Protein backbone atom coordinates (compact mmCIF):
# COMPACT_ATOMS: atom_id res chain seq x y z
CA UNK A 1 20.22 112.93 126.94
CA UNK A 2 18.69 109.92 128.67
CA UNK A 3 21.15 107.56 130.27
CA UNK A 4 21.76 104.10 128.87
CA UNK A 5 21.50 100.99 131.00
CA UNK A 6 18.05 101.54 132.51
CA UNK A 7 15.40 99.26 130.96
CA UNK A 8 12.04 100.98 130.64
CA UNK A 9 9.98 98.60 132.76
CA UNK A 10 7.37 101.31 133.24
CA UNK A 11 8.99 104.00 131.14
CA UNK A 12 12.43 105.43 131.62
CA UNK A 13 12.15 108.46 129.41
CA UNK A 14 11.86 112.18 129.44
CA UNK A 15 8.11 111.82 128.96
CA UNK A 16 5.81 111.96 131.96
CA UNK A 17 4.54 108.61 133.21
CA UNK A 18 1.97 108.51 136.00
CA UNK A 19 -0.98 106.37 137.02
CA UNK A 20 -4.44 107.85 136.56
CA UNK A 21 -6.55 105.45 138.59
CA UNK A 22 -8.35 108.50 139.99
CA UNK A 23 -8.65 110.00 136.51
CA UNK A 24 -10.62 107.71 134.18
CA UNK A 25 -8.86 104.42 134.91
CA UNK A 26 -10.95 101.67 136.50
CA UNK A 27 -8.56 98.77 135.83
CA UNK A 28 -11.30 96.24 136.51
CA UNK A 29 -10.34 92.69 135.62
CA UNK A 30 -12.06 89.35 135.41
CA UNK A 31 -11.03 85.79 134.67
CA UNK A 32 -11.75 83.75 131.55
CA UNK A 33 -10.83 80.17 130.73
CA UNK A 34 -7.18 79.50 130.11
CA UNK A 35 -6.24 79.69 126.45
CA UNK A 36 -5.88 75.97 126.08
CA UNK A 37 -9.43 75.44 127.33
CA UNK A 38 -11.19 77.51 124.71
CA UNK A 39 -13.50 75.22 122.74
CA UNK A 40 -13.82 75.41 118.95
CA UNK A 41 -17.43 76.44 119.07
CA UNK A 42 -16.53 79.48 121.19
CA UNK A 43 -13.35 80.32 119.35
CA UNK A 44 -14.58 83.71 118.16
CA UNK A 45 -16.25 84.69 121.42
CA UNK A 46 -14.01 87.74 121.55
CA UNK A 47 -15.39 89.10 118.30
CA UNK A 48 -17.69 92.02 119.15
CA UNK A 49 -21.21 91.89 117.80
CA UNK A 50 -21.20 95.24 116.09
CA UNK A 51 -24.35 97.19 115.37
CA UNK A 52 -24.47 99.20 112.17
CA UNK A 53 -22.52 102.42 112.63
CA UNK A 54 -25.32 104.94 112.88
CA UNK A 55 -23.12 108.00 112.73
CA UNK A 56 -22.72 109.57 109.27
CA UNK A 57 -19.33 109.12 107.60
CA UNK A 58 -16.94 111.95 108.36
CA UNK A 59 -15.80 113.99 105.36
CA UNK A 60 -12.60 112.65 103.84
CA UNK A 61 -9.45 114.33 105.16
CA UNK A 62 -6.64 114.83 102.69
CA UNK A 63 -3.70 112.59 103.52
CA UNK A 64 -0.36 114.33 103.82
CA UNK A 65 2.94 112.43 104.15
CA UNK A 66 6.04 114.63 104.12
CA UNK A 67 9.44 113.19 103.15
CA UNK A 68 11.84 114.24 105.92
CA UNK A 69 14.73 111.72 105.88
CA UNK A 70 17.57 114.10 104.90
CA UNK A 71 16.45 116.94 107.14
CA UNK A 72 16.05 114.47 110.02
CA UNK A 73 19.62 113.16 109.69
CA UNK A 74 18.88 109.93 107.79
CA UNK A 75 21.03 109.54 104.69
CA UNK A 76 20.97 105.93 103.50
CA UNK A 77 20.77 103.98 100.27
CA UNK A 78 20.57 100.19 100.04
CA UNK A 79 23.61 98.71 98.25
CA UNK A 80 22.56 95.71 96.16
CA UNK A 81 25.80 95.23 94.18
CA UNK A 82 23.91 95.12 90.89
CA UNK A 83 26.14 94.49 87.89
CA UNK A 84 24.73 95.01 84.35
CA UNK A 85 23.64 91.75 82.67
CA UNK A 86 24.78 89.57 85.59
CA UNK A 87 21.30 89.10 87.10
CA UNK A 88 22.28 87.57 90.44
CA UNK A 89 18.93 87.08 92.14
CA UNK A 90 19.83 88.65 95.57
CA UNK A 91 20.43 91.96 93.78
CA UNK A 92 16.72 92.53 93.23
CA UNK A 93 15.19 91.41 96.57
CA UNK A 94 16.08 94.47 98.62
CA UNK A 95 16.26 95.19 102.34
CA UNK A 96 13.91 96.03 105.15
CA UNK A 97 13.52 98.60 107.89
CA UNK A 98 13.17 97.98 111.60
CA UNK A 99 11.84 100.31 114.27
CA UNK A 100 13.46 99.53 117.62
CA UNK A 101 13.70 101.59 120.83
CA UNK A 102 17.16 100.16 121.39
CA UNK A 103 18.10 102.54 124.22
CA UNK A 104 14.65 102.45 125.90
CA UNK A 105 14.26 106.21 126.07
CA UNK A 106 10.72 106.21 124.68
CA UNK A 107 11.73 107.35 121.17
CA UNK A 108 11.73 104.77 118.36
CA UNK A 109 15.04 104.37 116.56
CA UNK A 110 15.48 103.16 112.97
CA UNK A 111 17.53 100.18 111.78
CA UNK A 112 18.09 99.91 108.03
CA UNK A 113 19.33 96.75 106.32
CA UNK A 114 22.08 96.96 103.74
CA UNK A 115 23.72 94.69 101.13
CA UNK A 116 27.37 94.14 100.38
CA UNK A 117 29.59 92.95 97.52
CA UNK A 118 28.12 89.53 96.77
CA UNK A 119 31.24 87.63 95.79
CA UNK A 120 33.44 88.90 98.62
CA UNK A 121 33.27 87.43 102.14
CA UNK A 122 32.60 90.49 104.38
CA UNK A 123 34.53 88.79 107.18
CA UNK A 124 37.74 89.03 105.16
CA UNK A 125 37.67 92.71 104.32
CA UNK A 126 36.89 96.05 105.92
CA UNK A 127 33.34 96.09 104.57
CA UNK A 128 32.29 99.55 103.35
CA UNK A 129 28.59 98.63 103.36
CA UNK A 130 26.85 97.86 106.64
CA UNK A 131 23.41 97.94 108.20
CA UNK A 132 22.82 101.31 109.80
CA UNK A 133 21.29 102.29 113.14
CA UNK A 134 19.86 105.80 113.51
CA UNK A 135 19.12 106.92 117.06
CA UNK A 136 16.00 109.05 117.53
CA UNK A 137 17.02 112.17 119.45
CA UNK A 138 13.49 113.58 119.62
CA UNK A 139 12.38 116.82 118.02
CA UNK A 140 12.42 115.08 114.64
CA UNK A 141 16.18 114.47 114.63
CA UNK A 142 18.17 111.24 114.19
CA UNK A 143 21.86 110.47 114.73
CA UNK A 144 23.82 107.69 112.98
CA UNK A 145 25.16 105.53 115.83
CA UNK A 146 26.13 102.51 113.72
CA UNK A 147 29.79 102.49 114.68
CA UNK A 148 29.28 103.50 118.31
CA UNK A 149 26.63 100.81 118.78
CA UNK A 150 28.39 98.00 116.85
CA UNK A 151 25.06 97.27 115.17
CA UNK A 152 26.39 97.37 111.62
CA UNK A 153 26.30 93.76 110.44
CA UNK A 154 28.12 93.67 107.10
CA UNK A 155 26.63 90.61 105.36
CA UNK A 156 24.17 90.91 102.45
CA UNK A 157 21.22 92.00 104.55
CA UNK A 158 17.55 91.50 103.87
CA UNK A 159 15.32 91.46 106.98
CA UNK A 160 15.26 91.98 110.74
CA UNK A 161 13.21 91.05 113.78
CA UNK A 162 13.19 92.94 117.06
CA UNK A 163 12.75 91.08 120.36
CA UNK A 164 14.20 90.75 123.84
CA UNK A 165 15.14 87.07 123.77
CA UNK A 166 16.88 87.04 127.16
CA UNK A 167 14.30 89.24 128.96
CA UNK A 168 16.89 91.74 130.22
CA UNK A 169 14.71 94.73 129.24
CA UNK A 170 16.58 95.69 126.07
CA UNK A 171 15.48 94.68 122.54
CA UNK A 172 17.85 92.49 120.52
CA UNK A 173 18.09 92.20 116.72
CA UNK A 174 18.01 89.15 114.48
CA UNK A 175 19.21 89.90 110.95
CA UNK A 176 18.38 87.68 107.95
CA UNK A 177 20.95 87.61 105.17
CA UNK A 178 22.01 86.03 101.96
CA UNK A 179 24.68 83.96 103.69
CA UNK A 180 25.09 83.71 107.44
CA UNK A 181 22.35 85.32 109.54
CA UNK A 182 23.28 87.36 112.64
CA UNK A 183 21.97 87.74 116.19
CA UNK A 184 22.91 91.04 117.81
CA UNK A 185 22.50 91.08 121.59
CA UNK A 186 21.66 94.44 123.14
CA UNK A 187 24.07 95.08 126.05
CA UNK A 188 21.88 97.77 127.57
CA UNK A 189 24.60 100.40 127.39
CA UNK A 190 23.99 101.61 123.85
CA UNK A 191 25.95 98.82 122.21
CA UNK A 192 25.23 95.50 120.54
CA UNK A 193 27.32 92.35 120.65
CA UNK A 194 27.47 89.56 118.07
CA UNK A 195 25.89 86.48 119.68
CA UNK A 196 25.06 84.31 116.67
CA UNK A 197 27.41 81.40 117.24
CA UNK A 198 27.01 81.37 121.05
CA UNK A 199 23.22 81.29 120.67
CA UNK A 200 23.38 78.63 117.94
CA UNK A 201 21.18 80.51 115.49
CA UNK A 202 23.76 80.81 112.70
CA UNK A 203 21.43 79.71 109.89
CA UNK A 204 23.30 79.84 106.60
CA UNK A 205 20.31 79.37 104.30
CA UNK A 206 19.07 82.30 102.22
CA UNK A 207 16.73 83.91 104.74
CA UNK A 208 14.11 86.64 104.43
CA UNK A 209 11.41 87.75 106.86
CA UNK A 210 11.67 86.61 110.47
CA UNK A 211 9.95 87.15 113.80
CA UNK A 212 10.18 86.55 117.55
CA UNK A 213 7.27 84.71 119.20
CA UNK A 214 6.80 82.14 121.99
CA UNK A 215 6.27 79.10 119.77
CA UNK A 216 6.31 76.47 122.54
CA UNK A 217 4.38 78.50 125.16
CA UNK A 218 7.13 78.35 127.79
CA UNK A 219 7.39 82.09 128.52
CA UNK A 220 10.42 83.00 126.41
CA UNK A 221 10.86 84.25 122.87
CA UNK A 222 11.59 81.80 120.10
CA UNK A 223 12.62 82.63 116.54
CA UNK A 224 10.90 81.83 113.24
CA UNK A 225 12.92 82.43 110.04
CA UNK A 226 11.57 82.14 106.48
CA UNK A 227 14.05 80.73 103.99
CA UNK A 228 13.72 81.27 100.28
CA UNK A 229 15.57 79.47 97.45
CA UNK A 230 18.57 77.23 97.01
CA UNK A 231 20.30 79.81 94.84
CA UNK A 232 24.05 80.36 94.62
CA UNK A 233 26.58 81.70 92.15
CA UNK A 234 27.09 78.28 90.59
CA UNK A 235 23.43 77.67 89.69
CA UNK A 236 22.53 81.27 88.78
CA UNK A 237 20.52 81.60 85.57
CA UNK A 238 19.31 84.34 83.25
CA UNK A 239 15.70 84.21 82.04
CA UNK A 240 13.63 85.84 79.34
CA UNK A 241 10.12 87.25 79.84
CA UNK A 242 8.15 88.85 77.03
CA UNK A 243 11.36 89.10 74.98
CA UNK A 244 13.26 90.89 77.76
CA UNK A 245 16.25 89.24 79.46
CA UNK A 246 16.39 89.52 83.23
CA UNK A 247 16.15 87.79 86.57
CA UNK A 248 14.63 84.30 86.97
CA UNK A 249 11.63 83.43 89.12
CA UNK A 250 11.41 80.93 91.97
CA UNK A 251 10.28 78.09 89.69
CA UNK A 252 13.91 77.72 88.50
CA UNK A 253 15.28 76.81 91.93
CA UNK A 254 14.46 74.46 94.80
CA UNK A 255 12.77 75.98 97.84
CA UNK A 256 14.35 76.00 101.29
CA UNK A 257 12.61 74.93 104.50
CA UNK A 258 11.94 77.55 107.16
CA UNK A 259 13.65 77.36 110.55
CA UNK A 260 12.20 77.49 114.06
CA UNK A 261 14.71 78.08 116.86
CA UNK A 262 13.44 77.27 120.37
CA UNK A 263 14.84 79.35 123.22
CA UNK A 264 16.39 77.11 125.90
CA UNK A 265 16.44 79.91 128.45
CA UNK A 266 20.23 79.90 128.83
CA UNK A 267 21.17 82.12 125.91
CA UNK A 268 21.07 79.22 123.45
CA UNK A 269 18.53 77.95 120.95
CA UNK A 270 17.85 74.61 119.27
CA UNK A 271 16.42 74.30 115.74
CA UNK A 272 13.08 72.46 116.07
CA UNK A 273 10.93 73.11 112.98
CA UNK A 274 10.47 69.42 112.23
CA UNK A 275 9.71 68.51 115.84
CA UNK A 276 7.09 71.26 116.09
CA UNK A 277 5.40 70.46 112.78
CA UNK A 278 6.51 73.77 111.26
CA UNK A 279 8.09 72.26 108.15
CA UNK A 280 5.67 72.87 105.31
CA UNK A 281 6.02 71.29 101.88
CA UNK A 282 7.21 73.34 98.85
CA UNK A 283 8.34 76.44 100.69
CA UNK A 284 9.70 79.63 99.16
CA UNK A 285 9.18 81.87 102.18
CA UNK A 286 9.15 85.66 101.83
CA UNK A 287 6.69 87.10 104.36
CA UNK A 288 5.62 85.95 107.81
CA UNK A 289 3.35 87.15 110.64
CA UNK A 290 2.17 85.61 113.89
CA UNK A 291 -1.11 86.45 115.66
CA UNK A 292 -4.22 84.75 117.03
CA UNK A 293 -6.65 84.23 114.14
CA UNK A 294 -9.28 82.03 115.82
CA UNK A 295 -9.77 83.65 119.23
CA UNK A 296 -8.17 80.96 121.40
CA UNK A 297 -5.35 83.32 122.55
CA UNK A 298 -2.70 81.11 120.96
CA UNK A 299 -0.77 82.64 118.10
CA UNK A 300 -0.85 81.09 114.65
CA UNK A 301 2.05 81.50 112.19
CA UNK A 302 1.16 82.58 108.66
CA UNK A 303 3.84 82.30 105.97
CA UNK A 304 3.64 83.86 102.50
CA UNK A 305 5.45 81.69 99.95
CA UNK A 306 6.58 82.88 96.52
CA UNK A 307 4.47 81.13 93.86
CA UNK A 308 3.76 78.25 96.25
CA UNK A 309 0.82 77.64 98.58
CA UNK A 310 1.01 79.73 101.74
CA UNK A 311 1.19 78.13 105.20
CA UNK A 312 -1.07 78.68 108.18
CA UNK A 313 0.31 76.84 111.19
CA UNK A 314 -1.98 76.40 114.20
CA UNK A 315 -1.37 74.50 117.40
CA UNK A 316 -2.93 71.15 118.23
CA UNK A 317 -3.36 69.25 121.46
CA UNK A 318 -1.50 66.25 120.05
CA UNK A 319 1.86 65.58 121.71
CA UNK A 320 5.06 66.05 119.73
CA UNK A 321 8.62 64.95 120.21
CA UNK A 322 10.04 67.02 123.04
CA UNK A 323 13.22 69.05 122.62
CA UNK A 324 16.06 67.45 124.61
CA UNK A 325 16.33 69.14 127.96
CA UNK A 326 13.35 71.37 127.17
CA UNK A 327 10.19 69.26 127.42
CA UNK A 328 8.22 70.99 124.67
CA UNK A 329 4.88 69.31 123.88
CA UNK A 330 3.41 71.91 121.50
CA UNK A 331 2.59 70.69 118.01
CA UNK A 332 1.59 72.65 114.90
CA UNK A 333 -0.06 71.62 111.66
CA UNK A 334 -0.63 73.49 108.40
CA UNK A 335 -4.32 74.25 107.80
CA UNK A 336 -3.95 76.92 105.10
CA UNK A 337 -5.80 75.00 102.38
CA UNK A 338 -8.69 74.02 104.62
CA UNK A 339 -8.81 77.59 105.97
CA UNK A 340 -8.99 79.14 102.48
CA UNK A 341 -5.80 81.25 102.68
CA UNK A 342 -3.24 79.02 100.91
CA UNK A 343 -4.04 80.24 97.39
CA UNK A 344 -6.27 82.84 95.76
CA UNK A 345 -10.02 82.45 95.53
CA UNK A 346 -9.69 80.92 92.05
CA UNK A 347 -7.05 78.45 93.19
CA UNK A 348 -3.89 80.19 91.99
CA UNK A 349 -0.60 80.32 93.88
CA UNK A 350 0.65 83.90 94.22
CA UNK A 351 3.91 85.72 95.02
CA UNK A 352 3.13 86.61 98.66
CA UNK A 353 5.77 89.17 99.60
CA UNK A 354 4.12 91.40 102.21
CA UNK A 355 1.77 90.14 104.92
CA UNK A 356 -0.66 92.27 106.98
CA UNK A 357 -3.21 91.34 109.63
CA UNK A 358 -6.13 93.70 110.29
CA UNK A 359 -9.90 93.85 110.81
CA UNK A 360 -10.70 95.75 107.63
CA UNK A 361 -14.51 95.53 107.84
CA UNK A 362 -14.87 95.96 111.65
CA UNK A 363 -16.74 92.69 112.12
CA UNK A 364 -14.44 91.62 114.96
CA UNK A 365 -12.74 88.87 112.95
CA UNK A 366 -9.17 89.22 111.76
CA UNK A 367 -8.36 89.40 108.05
CA UNK A 368 -5.17 88.92 106.00
CA UNK A 369 -3.77 91.13 103.23
CA UNK A 370 -0.94 89.96 100.94
CA UNK A 371 1.00 91.76 98.20
CA UNK A 372 1.79 89.88 95.00
CA UNK A 373 3.27 90.00 91.49
CA UNK A 374 2.48 92.30 88.56
CA UNK A 375 -0.86 91.46 86.94
CA UNK A 376 -1.59 89.03 89.75
CA UNK A 377 -3.37 91.42 92.14
CA UNK A 378 -2.94 91.72 95.89
CA UNK A 379 -5.19 89.49 97.97
CA UNK A 380 -7.48 90.35 100.85
CA UNK A 381 -8.78 87.37 102.79
CA UNK A 382 -11.78 88.10 105.01
CA UNK A 383 -11.65 86.04 108.20
CA UNK A 384 -14.66 84.32 109.68
CA UNK A 385 -13.14 83.92 113.16
CA UNK A 386 -12.61 80.14 113.09
CA UNK A 387 -9.66 79.83 110.68
CA UNK A 388 -11.99 80.22 107.73
CA UNK A 389 -11.05 82.79 105.10
CA UNK A 390 -12.56 84.01 101.84
CA UNK A 391 -10.81 85.92 99.06
CA UNK A 392 -12.69 89.23 98.87
CA UNK A 393 -10.17 91.10 96.70
CA UNK A 394 -12.68 91.72 93.92
CA UNK A 395 -15.59 92.96 95.98
CA UNK A 396 -13.44 95.31 98.12
CA UNK A 397 -11.69 97.03 95.18
CA UNK A 398 -8.28 95.57 96.04
CA UNK A 399 -7.97 93.53 92.82
CA UNK A 400 -8.59 96.44 90.48
CA UNK A 401 -6.33 98.80 92.43
CA UNK A 402 -3.38 96.36 92.56
CA UNK A 403 -3.52 94.61 89.17
CA UNK A 404 -0.85 96.82 87.55
CA UNK A 405 1.50 96.83 90.56
CA UNK A 406 4.06 94.51 92.10
CA UNK A 407 3.86 94.95 95.87
CA UNK A 408 6.43 94.30 98.58
CA UNK A 409 6.29 96.00 102.00
CA UNK A 410 2.79 96.69 103.29
CA UNK A 411 1.23 98.02 106.47
CA UNK A 412 -2.22 98.69 107.92
CA UNK A 413 -2.62 102.11 109.51
CA UNK A 414 -5.47 104.49 110.13
CA UNK A 415 -3.79 107.55 108.65
CA UNK A 416 -6.68 109.93 109.40
CA UNK A 417 -7.82 108.20 112.64
CA UNK A 418 -11.38 107.72 111.39
CA UNK A 419 -11.62 104.22 112.90
CA UNK A 420 -11.07 102.31 109.62
CA UNK A 421 -7.76 100.61 108.86
CA UNK A 422 -6.16 101.85 105.62
CA UNK A 423 -3.29 100.21 103.70
CA UNK A 424 0.06 101.38 102.37
CA UNK A 425 2.02 99.34 99.82
CA UNK A 426 5.59 99.81 98.53
CA UNK A 427 5.71 98.77 94.85
CA UNK A 428 8.45 98.00 92.33
CA UNK A 429 9.23 95.33 89.77
CA UNK A 430 11.88 92.58 89.96
CA UNK A 431 12.70 91.65 86.38
CA UNK A 432 15.47 94.19 85.89
CA UNK A 433 16.05 97.66 84.44
CA UNK A 434 15.23 96.58 80.89
CA UNK A 435 11.68 95.61 81.76
CA UNK A 436 8.78 98.08 81.62
CA UNK A 437 7.31 98.97 84.03
CA UNK A 438 10.17 98.72 86.52
CA UNK A 439 9.86 101.49 89.12
CA UNK A 440 6.28 102.07 90.30
CA UNK A 441 4.23 104.44 92.42
CA UNK A 442 3.64 103.42 96.03
CA UNK A 443 0.00 103.29 97.10
CA UNK A 444 -2.07 104.66 99.95
CA UNK A 445 -5.39 102.83 99.97
CA UNK A 446 -8.15 104.47 101.99
CA UNK A 447 -10.67 102.18 103.65
CA UNK A 448 -14.13 103.62 103.05
CA UNK A 449 -16.36 101.38 105.18
CA UNK A 450 -14.78 98.19 103.85
CA UNK A 451 -14.14 99.40 100.30
CA UNK A 452 -10.64 100.52 99.31
CA UNK A 453 -9.91 103.62 97.23
CA UNK A 454 -6.49 104.68 95.97
CA UNK A 455 -5.85 108.19 97.36
CA UNK A 456 -2.09 108.21 96.60
CA UNK A 457 -2.39 111.25 94.31
CA UNK A 458 -3.57 113.34 97.29
CA UNK A 459 -0.92 112.13 99.74
CA UNK A 460 2.13 114.22 98.86
CA UNK A 461 5.08 114.16 96.49
CA UNK A 462 6.48 110.78 97.49
CA UNK A 463 3.33 108.96 96.37
CA UNK A 464 3.34 110.69 92.98
CA UNK A 465 6.84 109.46 92.02
CA UNK A 466 8.06 106.04 90.92
CA UNK A 467 10.31 103.89 93.09
CA UNK A 468 11.63 100.35 93.39
CA UNK A 469 10.01 99.90 96.80
CA UNK A 470 10.93 97.01 99.09
CA UNK A 471 10.87 97.20 102.91
CA UNK A 472 8.20 99.25 104.70
CA UNK A 473 7.85 99.79 108.43
CA UNK A 474 5.51 101.94 110.51
CA UNK A 475 6.09 103.79 113.78
CA UNK A 476 4.95 106.93 115.52
CA UNK A 477 8.55 108.10 115.73
CA UNK A 478 7.62 111.64 116.82
CA UNK A 479 5.02 110.46 119.37
CA UNK A 480 2.31 112.75 118.00
CA UNK A 481 -0.47 110.16 117.72
CA UNK A 482 -0.24 109.05 114.09
CA UNK A 483 1.85 106.48 112.29
CA UNK A 484 4.82 107.52 110.16
CA UNK A 485 6.60 105.33 107.59
CA UNK A 486 10.15 104.26 106.73
CA UNK A 487 10.58 102.84 103.22
CA UNK A 488 13.66 101.20 101.71
CA UNK A 489 14.27 101.13 97.94
CA UNK A 490 16.61 99.84 95.33
CA UNK A 491 18.65 102.46 93.44
CA UNK A 492 17.23 105.36 95.45
CA UNK A 493 17.64 106.52 99.07
CA UNK A 494 15.43 105.31 101.87
CA UNK A 495 12.73 107.75 102.90
CA UNK A 496 11.10 108.76 106.15
CA UNK A 497 7.49 109.82 105.64
CA UNK A 498 6.08 111.95 108.46
CA UNK A 499 2.30 111.76 108.69
CA UNK A 500 1.18 115.38 108.59
CA UNK A 501 -2.48 114.65 107.89
CA UNK A 502 -4.60 117.30 109.66
CA UNK A 503 -7.25 115.23 111.33
CA UNK A 504 -9.83 116.32 113.90
CA UNK A 505 -10.33 112.69 114.85
CA UNK A 506 -9.15 111.17 118.12
CA UNK A 507 -6.93 108.23 119.04
CA UNK A 508 -5.73 106.13 121.93
CA UNK A 509 -2.27 104.58 121.96
CA UNK A 510 -1.58 101.45 123.97
CA UNK A 511 1.70 99.78 124.97
CA UNK A 512 1.20 96.32 126.49
CA UNK A 513 3.49 94.35 128.80
CA UNK A 514 2.82 90.84 130.05
CA UNK A 515 3.62 89.74 133.58
CA UNK A 516 6.56 87.73 132.17
CA UNK A 517 7.61 90.80 130.09
CA UNK A 518 7.07 89.05 126.76
CA UNK A 519 5.19 90.82 123.97
CA UNK A 520 1.57 89.62 124.24
CA UNK A 521 1.44 88.12 120.73
CA UNK A 522 -1.76 86.08 120.52
CA UNK A 523 -3.63 88.66 122.55
CA UNK A 524 -5.80 91.46 121.28
CA UNK A 525 -7.37 94.75 122.33
CA UNK A 526 -11.06 95.53 121.83
CA UNK A 527 -12.14 99.17 122.07
CA UNK A 528 -15.84 99.73 122.66
CA UNK A 529 -17.36 102.86 121.16
CA UNK A 530 -21.01 103.92 121.18
CA UNK A 531 -22.18 102.03 118.12
CA UNK A 532 -19.31 99.68 117.36
CA UNK A 533 -16.23 97.96 118.67
CA UNK A 534 -12.76 98.00 117.15
CA UNK A 535 -10.39 95.01 117.33
CA UNK A 536 -6.59 95.36 117.26
CA UNK A 537 -4.47 92.19 117.29
CA UNK A 538 -1.02 91.97 118.80
CA UNK A 539 1.10 90.83 115.88
CA UNK A 540 4.70 89.70 115.49
CA UNK A 541 6.32 90.24 112.12
CA UNK A 542 4.36 91.36 109.08
CA UNK A 543 5.12 93.54 106.09
CA UNK A 544 8.22 92.46 104.10
CA UNK A 545 11.63 92.13 105.79
CA UNK A 546 10.63 94.75 108.34
CA UNK A 547 9.63 95.39 111.97
CA UNK A 548 7.11 97.94 113.27
CA UNK A 549 6.53 100.04 116.39
CA UNK A 550 5.01 97.52 118.80
CA UNK A 551 2.49 99.97 120.28
CA UNK A 552 -1.14 99.83 119.16
CA UNK A 553 -2.36 103.16 117.75
CA UNK A 554 -6.13 103.11 117.50
CA UNK A 555 -8.14 105.72 115.58
CA UNK A 556 -11.46 106.57 117.23
CA UNK A 557 -13.14 108.87 114.71
CA UNK A 558 -15.19 111.62 116.31
CA UNK A 559 -15.35 109.82 119.70
CA UNK A 560 -13.88 112.37 122.12
CA UNK A 561 -14.71 110.92 125.51
CA UNK A 562 -13.09 108.13 127.51
CA UNK A 563 -13.15 104.71 125.85
CA UNK A 564 -13.75 101.33 127.43
CA UNK A 565 -10.95 98.92 126.51
CA UNK A 566 -10.81 95.15 126.96
CA UNK A 567 -7.44 93.46 126.78
CA UNK A 568 -7.38 89.74 126.11
CA UNK A 569 -4.00 88.56 127.36
CA UNK A 570 -2.47 85.29 126.12
CA UNK A 571 -2.58 84.00 129.69
CA UNK A 572 -6.40 83.96 129.52
CA UNK A 573 -6.78 87.07 131.67
CA UNK A 574 -9.21 89.80 130.59
CA UNK A 575 -8.41 93.32 131.75
CA UNK A 576 -11.01 96.07 131.40
CA UNK A 577 -10.31 99.74 131.85
CA UNK A 578 -11.49 103.16 130.81
CA UNK A 579 -8.90 105.34 129.07
CA UNK A 580 -8.74 109.00 128.16
CA UNK A 581 -8.18 109.75 124.51
CA UNK A 582 -5.41 111.49 122.56
CA UNK A 583 -2.59 110.03 124.61
CA UNK A 584 -0.51 106.90 125.00
CA UNK A 585 -1.03 104.45 127.84
CA UNK A 586 1.25 101.78 129.28
CA UNK A 587 -0.80 98.79 130.47
CA UNK A 588 0.95 96.02 132.34
CA UNK A 589 -0.96 92.79 132.84
CA UNK A 590 -3.07 92.91 136.04
CA UNK A 591 -1.89 96.48 136.82
CA UNK A 592 -3.70 99.82 136.50
CA UNK A 593 -2.90 101.66 133.26
CA UNK A 594 -0.45 104.55 133.33
CA UNK A 595 -0.52 107.58 131.06
CA UNK A 596 2.75 107.85 129.14
CA UNK A 597 2.51 111.17 127.35
CA UNK A 598 0.21 113.70 125.77
CA UNK A 599 0.26 113.87 121.98
């Protein structure tokens, strides 16, 4: 087994890692303006000007996702402490899944959030229900290392974010809970240590999705946490819908403001949402993602609010109140309404659980996909490249496909590697067991040149059954060149879906590392093919309560030769190289790429 305690700066794993400068890699680089100097009129200069794809569409390949959790060593069910006719709202919200290479051996491990008994303080008892960490042993096998790693937070868990906040080379975990949240510091020896109080991130609001991103542009990771409702046992209510008694919606409770914790660089954080302009009005936050949506190499923060207008926070050049002892001068303002992504195209607020960023139509501009309530449709916003979005749910088929579903976790993946980003959605209702429909089929939505078609019936047994789906996270856990899925449910075990689609198409996998070792959120990768270019953003967060494999896995269709890749780093540096296909590459800023492994 690989040894603990060796951060994978290049790659400390059993897989071969070697530079191929003499084999395909040119590593040529050139300068562009610094991110802060990009002018509005050139904001989408990175968007490729695609010619029509002249190659005929490849025949559809049948999707195959095989459920392998039990045989792989993953045996887990989310405990939500549901009591008949009590209808405590946390019971129905569920938990997420987080992919994290916690031991830096090159194999992605799985962290699953768990609930607990709601009316018992887990600190006062030997809690039987904890979050679980499954170590990836390779060869399709996982081992439960929860106790050995001390990663099993025992609060009522919802979401997690993976990030190395102290830049020691090992990814840490932030866990959002009903009750006190938790920061678990990775010691680098296979164990985690509780660091919540010491780091001053012990938010006691009801928190949901969260992410790590450099909010103040000072080269360390900060923390954004969505908070939901001011619900507690004292103000709990029971509501009736269509004659059925069940859980109440967000309109019955006051919303809670999100939190933004700035990293002081000494192991401590200071809450600074108000100072940064990240306090939106009427919040009920559920989903969040951060990425550059206007091409200036500075990450925006997009927040999905439950039945309230969504937020899109972008940076301004206006000064803000600096954080004591920190000197921050970054300021954000909410432009979601002006940008067209606060509400649906017909002006309705929606439920906004899962958030996905992708370039669905290959026009070089980034788009947003959100999952919503039953008979509300999911929403696809087409981006114009300058923080201008249009609801295209009807014309792309999304509205019709999603009308009779209630979506939570969601992810973009190119399951057959044909060069078009498909979508997966975990579905399930929230009104309680007496309401019909309650459990629902998950969906695999194939992207056919910008139109979405539900191909779930072809995708294997999991997609033909009904579930109360919640968290959904994607990773290439077996390193075979396609994305696999972990899904968490209520009332049924979590599943691990191995992508067994037999595709003749090619791919290139890219792992990026900045000079300062931060994840390059705000950057993007552009892959130039013969007739088109493909854009892949570096995103923090996304889905619902979950965290994905941070590598970019890019389907290339029938393109079998080397590909020219441009990397737009948040520093303003452009790196150009030529990469061989059907393998993963590690690319460090300003360094020649290195081949990590064959698929």
